[in-house]
Amino acid sequence: MADQQDPVFQIQRVYLKEASLEQPNSPAILLEQTQPAVDIQLSVDAQPVTDGIFEVAVTATVTTKIGEKTMFLVEAKQAGIFEIRNLTQEQMGPIIGIACPQIVYPYLRGNVADIVQRAGFPQVHLAEINFQAMYEQQQAAAAQAGEAGTVLQ
């Protein structure tokens, strides 16, 4: 009976949920000799699927431009399904906001690099991410927004 109260954290599945590639100015932009500017945006999203089962997704949007013209845009969402049970609310936040994205992110990095290379462009390598720092920043921003909301009321 005590086993039912033991904390559970298991990976059920890691999968590529969504991927897209756009080259709106090809083929003309491919002849440009100018070095493109690369902008990378990341986000983490978590949704409960059913009791004790959560989907955690990390999305990367890579936009490469020469001047105002887009060379290519890649958006990929890598997700994982995790079984998480018997944790306190204080333990759940870091597990979902730090541990799960750290598991999913290497798969996302590989898929983005593969898509960009297969499209015929020089590889784009997503940098390592400190999900703990990212989580702490989000928590601080949420706390600040909460305090600002109470002051305004």
C-alpha atoms as a PDB file:
ATOM      1  CA  MET A   1       0.000   0.000   0.000  1.00  0.00           C
ATOM      2  CA  ALA A   2       2.914   2.350   0.716  1.00  0.00           C
ATOM      3  CA  ASP A   3       4.026   1.997  -2.936  1.00  0.00           C
ATOM      4  CA  GLN A   4       0.988   4.000  -4.071  1.00  0.00           C
ATOM      5  CA  GLN A   5       2.385   7.047  -2.272  1.00  0.00           C
ATOM      6  CA  ASP A   6       5.916   6.818  -3.705  1.00  0.00           C
ATOM      7  CA  PRO A   7       6.767   9.610  -6.160  1.00  0.00           C
ATOM      8  CA  VAL A   8       6.548   8.573  -9.818  1.00  0.00           C
ATOM      9  CA  PHE A   9       8.364  10.239 -12.716  1.00  0.00           C
ATOM     10  CA  GLN A  10       8.495   8.294 -15.982  1.00  0.00           C
ATOM     11  CA  ILE A  11       8.917   9.184 -19.622  1.00  0.00           C
ATOM     12  CA  GLN A  12       6.101   7.641 -21.641  1.00  0.00           C
ATOM     13  CA  ARG A  13       7.120   8.978 -25.061  1.00  0.00           C
ATOM     14  CA  VAL A  14       9.129  11.735 -26.762  1.00  0.00           C
ATOM     15  CA  TYR A  15       7.914  12.802 -30.205  1.00  0.00           C
ATOM     16  CA  LEU A  16       8.091  15.527 -32.839  1.00  0.00           C
ATOM     17  CA  LYS A  17       4.667  17.135 -32.582  1.00  0.00           C
ATOM     18  CA  GLU A  18       5.006  19.751 -35.294  1.00  0.00           C
ATOM     19  CA  ALA A  19       7.596  20.970 -37.793  1.00  0.00           C
ATOM     20  CA  SER A  20       7.485  23.486 -40.616  1.00  0.00           C
ATOM     21  CA  LEU A  21       9.954  25.071 -43.003  1.00  0.00           C
ATOM     22  CA  GLU A  22       9.308  28.152 -45.106  1.00  0.00           C
ATOM     23  CA  GLN A  23      11.555  29.653 -47.779  1.00  0.00           C
ATOM     24  CA  PRO A  24       9.395  32.536 -49.002  1.00  0.00           C
ATOM     25  CA  ASN A  25      12.090  34.296 -51.048  1.00  0.00           C
ATOM     26  CA  SER A  26      13.728  31.297 -52.703  1.00  0.00           C
ATOM     27  CA  PRO A  27      15.399  30.878 -55.097  1.00  0.00           C
ATOM     28  CA  ALA A  28      16.543  34.513 -55.503  1.00  0.00           C
ATOM     29  CA  ILE A  29      17.677  34.949 -51.888  1.00  0.00           C
ATOM     30  CA  LEU A  30      19.870  31.848 -52.165  1.00  0.00           C
ATOM     31  CA  LEU A  31      22.125  33.779 -54.542  1.00  0.00           C
ATOM     32  CA  GLU A  32      22.788  36.499 -51.943  1.00  0.00           C
ATOM     33  CA  GLN A  33      26.349  36.619 -50.615  1.00  0.00           C
ATOM     34  CA  THR A  34      25.473  38.573 -47.459  1.00  0.00           C
ATOM     35  CA  GLN A  35      25.710  36.851 -44.078  1.00  0.00           C
ATOM     36  CA  PRO A  36      22.177  36.285 -42.758  1.00  0.00           C
ATOM     37  CA  ALA A  37      20.966  37.328 -39.304  1.00  0.00           C
ATOM     38  CA  VAL A  38      19.581  34.469 -37.206  1.00  0.00           C
ATOM     39  CA  ASP A  39      16.910  34.919 -34.533  1.00  0.00           C
ATOM     40  CA  ILE A  40      15.984  31.984 -32.283  1.00  0.00           C
ATOM     41  CA  GLN A  41      12.968  32.006 -29.964  1.00  0.00           C
ATOM     42  CA  LEU A  42      12.170  29.215 -27.488  1.00  0.00           C
ATOM     43  CA  SER A  43       9.098  28.484 -25.417  1.00  0.00           C
ATOM     44  CA  VAL A  44       7.936  25.744 -23.066  1.00  0.00           C
ATOM     45  CA  ASP A  45       4.333  24.660 -22.670  1.00  0.00           C
ATOM     46  CA  ALA A  46       2.835  22.013 -20.369  1.00  0.00           C
ATOM     47  CA  GLN A  47      -0.652  20.540 -20.456  1.00  0.00           C
ATOM     48  CA  PRO A  48      -2.288  17.838 -18.347  1.00  0.00           C
ATOM     49  CA  VAL A  49      -3.427  14.927 -20.535  1.00  0.00           C
ATOM     50  CA  THR A  50      -5.174  12.831 -17.920  1.00  0.00           C
ATOM     51  CA  ASP A  51      -4.728  12.112 -14.215  1.00  0.00           C
ATOM     52  CA  GLY A  52      -0.971  12.031 -13.545  1.00  0.00           C
ATOM     53  CA  ILE A  53      -0.045  12.271 -17.251  1.00  0.00           C
ATOM     54  CA  PHE A  54       1.360  15.506 -18.707  1.00  0.00           C
ATOM     55  CA  GLU A  55       2.513  16.666 -22.125  1.00  0.00           C
ATOM     56  CA  VAL A  56       5.476  19.041 -22.026  1.00  0.00           C
ATOM     57  CA  ALA A  57       6.453  20.696 -25.315  1.00  0.00           C
ATOM     58  CA  VAL A  58       9.435  22.854 -26.249  1.00  0.00           C
ATOM     59  CA  THR A  59       9.014  25.005 -29.359  1.00  0.00           C
ATOM     60  CA  ALA A  60      11.847  26.602 -31.326  1.00  0.00           C
ATOM     61  CA  THR A  61      11.315  29.244 -33.982  1.00  0.00           C
ATOM     62  CA  VAL A  62      14.399  29.986 -36.091  1.00  0.00           C
ATOM     63  CA  THR A  63      14.124  32.977 -38.425  1.00  0.00           C
ATOM     64  CA  THR A  64      17.006  33.754 -40.771  1.00  0.00           C
ATOM     65  CA  LYS A  65      16.947  37.029 -42.708  1.00  0.00           C
ATOM     66  CA  ILE A  66      19.087  38.970 -45.103  1.00  0.00           C
ATOM     67  CA  GLY A  67      18.063  42.561 -44.607  1.00  0.00           C
ATOM     68  CA  GLU A  68      14.266  42.555 -44.409  1.00  0.00           C
ATOM     69  CA  LYS A  69      13.859  39.410 -46.521  1.00  0.00           C
ATOM     70  CA  THR A  70      13.358  36.053 -44.850  1.00  0.00           C
ATOM     71  CA  MET A  71      15.806  33.433 -46.058  1.00  0.00           C
ATOM     72  CA  PHE A  72      14.120  30.629 -44.115  1.00  0.00           C
ATOM     73  CA  LEU A  73      11.923  30.109 -41.118  1.00  0.00           C
ATOM     74  CA  VAL A  74      11.821  26.836 -39.185  1.00  0.00           C
ATOM     75  CA  GLU A  75       9.376  26.134 -36.404  1.00  0.00           C
ATOM     76  CA  ALA A  76       9.502  22.838 -34.559  1.00  0.00           C
ATOM     77  CA  LYS A  77       7.677  21.586 -31.489  1.00  0.00           C
ATOM     78  CA  GLN A  78       9.136  18.597 -29.667  1.00  0.00           C
ATOM     79  CA  ALA A  79       6.959  17.081 -26.974  1.00  0.00           C
ATOM     80  CA  GLY A  80       7.105  14.443 -24.325  1.00  0.00           C
ATOM     81  CA  ILE A  81       4.464  12.575 -22.379  1.00  0.00           C
ATOM     82  CA  PHE A  82       5.406  12.112 -18.746  1.00  0.00           C
ATOM     83  CA  GLU A  83       3.797  10.239 -15.889  1.00  0.00           C
ATOM     84  CA  ILE A  84       4.172  12.346 -12.752  1.00  0.00           C
ATOM     85  CA  ARG A  85       2.411  11.268  -9.574  1.00  0.00           C
ATOM     86  CA  ASN A  86       2.526  11.713  -5.817  1.00  0.00           C
ATOM     87  CA  LEU A  87       4.496  14.977  -5.806  1.00  0.00           C
ATOM     88  CA  THR A  88       3.649  18.114  -3.890  1.00  0.00           C
ATOM     89  CA  GLN A  89       2.638  21.252  -5.789  1.00  0.00           C
ATOM     90  CA  GLU A  90       6.055  22.763  -4.942  1.00  0.00           C
ATOM     91  CA  GLN A  91       7.793  19.742  -6.529  1.00  0.00           C
ATOM     92  CA  MET A  92       5.586  19.694  -9.646  1.00  0.00           C
ATOM     93  CA  GLY A  93       6.645  23.144 -10.932  1.00  0.00           C
ATOM     94  CA  PRO A  94      10.368  22.386 -11.228  1.00  0.00           C
ATOM     95  CA  ILE A  95       9.737  18.888 -12.627  1.00  0.00           C
ATOM     96  CA  ILE A  96       7.443  20.199 -15.379  1.00  0.00           C
ATOM     97  CA  GLY A  97       9.355  23.464 -15.926  1.00  0.00           C
ATOM     98  CA  ILE A  98      12.944  22.172 -15.721  1.00  0.00           C
ATOM     99  CA  ALA A  99      13.357  18.376 -15.775  1.00  0.00           C
ATOM    100  CA  CYS A 100      10.885  17.604 -18.584  1.00  0.00           C
ATOM    101  CA  PRO A 101      12.148  20.316 -20.991  1.00  0.00           C
ATOM    102  CA  GLN A 102      15.740  19.155 -20.358  1.00  0.00           C
ATOM    103  CA  ILE A 103      14.736  15.677 -21.548  1.00  0.00           C
ATOM    104  CA  VAL A 104      12.837  16.903 -24.621  1.00  0.00           C
ATOM    105  CA  TYR A 105      15.233  19.660 -25.781  1.00  0.00           C
ATOM    106  CA  PRO A 106      18.073  17.502 -27.191  1.00  0.00           C
ATOM    107  CA  TYR A 107      15.582  15.853 -29.563  1.00  0.00           C
ATOM    108  CA  LEU A 108      14.371  19.297 -30.660  1.00  0.00           C
ATOM    109  CA  ARG A 109      17.953  20.453 -31.292  1.00  0.00           C
ATOM    110  CA  GLY A 110      18.616  17.436 -33.499  1.00  0.00           C
ATOM    111  CA  ASN A 111      15.399  17.836 -35.465  1.00  0.00           C
ATOM    112  CA  VAL A 112      15.935  21.557 -36.120  1.00  0.00           C
ATOM    113  CA  ALA A 113      19.525  20.954 -37.267  1.00  0.00           C
ATOM    114  CA  ASP A 114      18.321  18.137 -39.550  1.00  0.00           C
ATOM    115  CA  ILE A 115      15.509  20.197 -41.106  1.00  0.00           C
ATOM    116  CA  VAL A 116      17.817  23.140 -41.812  1.00  0.00           C
ATOM    117  CA  GLN A 117      20.529  20.923 -43.312  1.00  0.00           C
ATOM    118  CA  ARG A 118      18.058  18.964 -45.465  1.00  0.00           C
ATOM    119  CA  ALA A 119      16.698  22.279 -46.767  1.00  0.00           C
ATOM    120  CA  GLY A 120      20.177  22.983 -48.145  1.00  0.00           C
ATOM    121  CA  PHE A 121      21.306  25.615 -45.664  1.00  0.00           C
ATOM    122  CA  PRO A 122      24.344  25.704 -43.382  1.00  0.00           C
ATOM    123  CA  GLN A 123      23.479  24.000 -40.120  1.00  0.00           C
ATOM    124  CA  VAL A 124      21.938  25.957 -37.285  1.00  0.00           C
ATOM    125  CA  HIS A 125      22.867  24.634 -33.865  1.00  0.00           C
ATOM    126  CA  LEU A 126      20.581  25.565 -31.016  1.00  0.00           C
ATOM    127  CA  ALA A 127      22.635  26.419 -27.950  1.00  0.00           C
ATOM    128  CA  GLU A 128      22.369  24.556 -24.679  1.00  0.00           C
ATOM    129  CA  ILE A 129      19.643  26.058 -22.514  1.00  0.00           C
ATOM    130  CA  ASN A 130      19.637  26.460 -18.760  1.00  0.00           C
ATOM    131  CA  PHE A 131      15.997  25.542 -18.135  1.00  0.00           C
ATOM    132  CA  GLN A 132      16.402  26.163 -14.408  1.00  0.00           C
ATOM    133  CA  ALA A 133      17.336  29.807 -15.037  1.00  0.00           C
ATOM    134  CA  MET A 134      14.528  30.110 -17.598  1.00  0.00           C
ATOM    135  CA  TYR A 135      12.030  28.645 -15.086  1.00  0.00           C
ATOM    136  CA  GLU A 136      13.226  30.947 -12.304  1.00  0.00           C
ATOM    137  CA  GLN A 137      12.881  34.002 -14.575  1.00  0.00           C
ATOM    138  CA  GLN A 138       9.322  32.966 -15.479  1.00  0.00           C
ATOM    139  CA  GLN A 139       8.470  32.461 -11.807  1.00  0.00           C
ATOM    140  CA  ALA A 140       9.915  35.870 -10.891  1.00  0.00           C
ATOM    141  CA  ALA A 141       8.014  37.556 -13.745  1.00  0.00           C
ATOM    142  CA  ALA A 142       4.769  35.849 -12.684  1.00  0.00           C
ATOM    143  CA  ALA A 143       5.303  36.913  -9.060  1.00  0.00           C
ATOM    144  CA  GLN A 144       6.006  40.489 -10.159  1.00  0.00           C
ATOM    145  CA  ALA A 145       2.905  40.504 -12.357  1.00  0.00           C
ATOM    146  CA  GLY A 146       0.889  39.164  -9.422  1.00  0.00           C
ATOM    147  CA  GLU A 147       2.180  41.912  -7.136  1.00  0.00           C
ATOM    148  CA  ALA A 148       1.476  44.556  -9.766  1.00  0.00           C
ATOM    149  CA  GLY A 149      -2.052  43.180 -10.135  1.00  0.00           C
ATOM    150  CA  THR A 150      -2.743  43.487  -6.409  1.00  0.00           C
ATOM    151  CA  VAL A 151      -1.402  47.035  -6.320  1.00  0.00           C
ATOM    152  CA  LEU A 152      -3.687  48.072  -9.186  1.00  0.00           C
ATOM    153  CA  GLN A 153      -6.832  46.678  -7.601  1.00  0.00           C
END
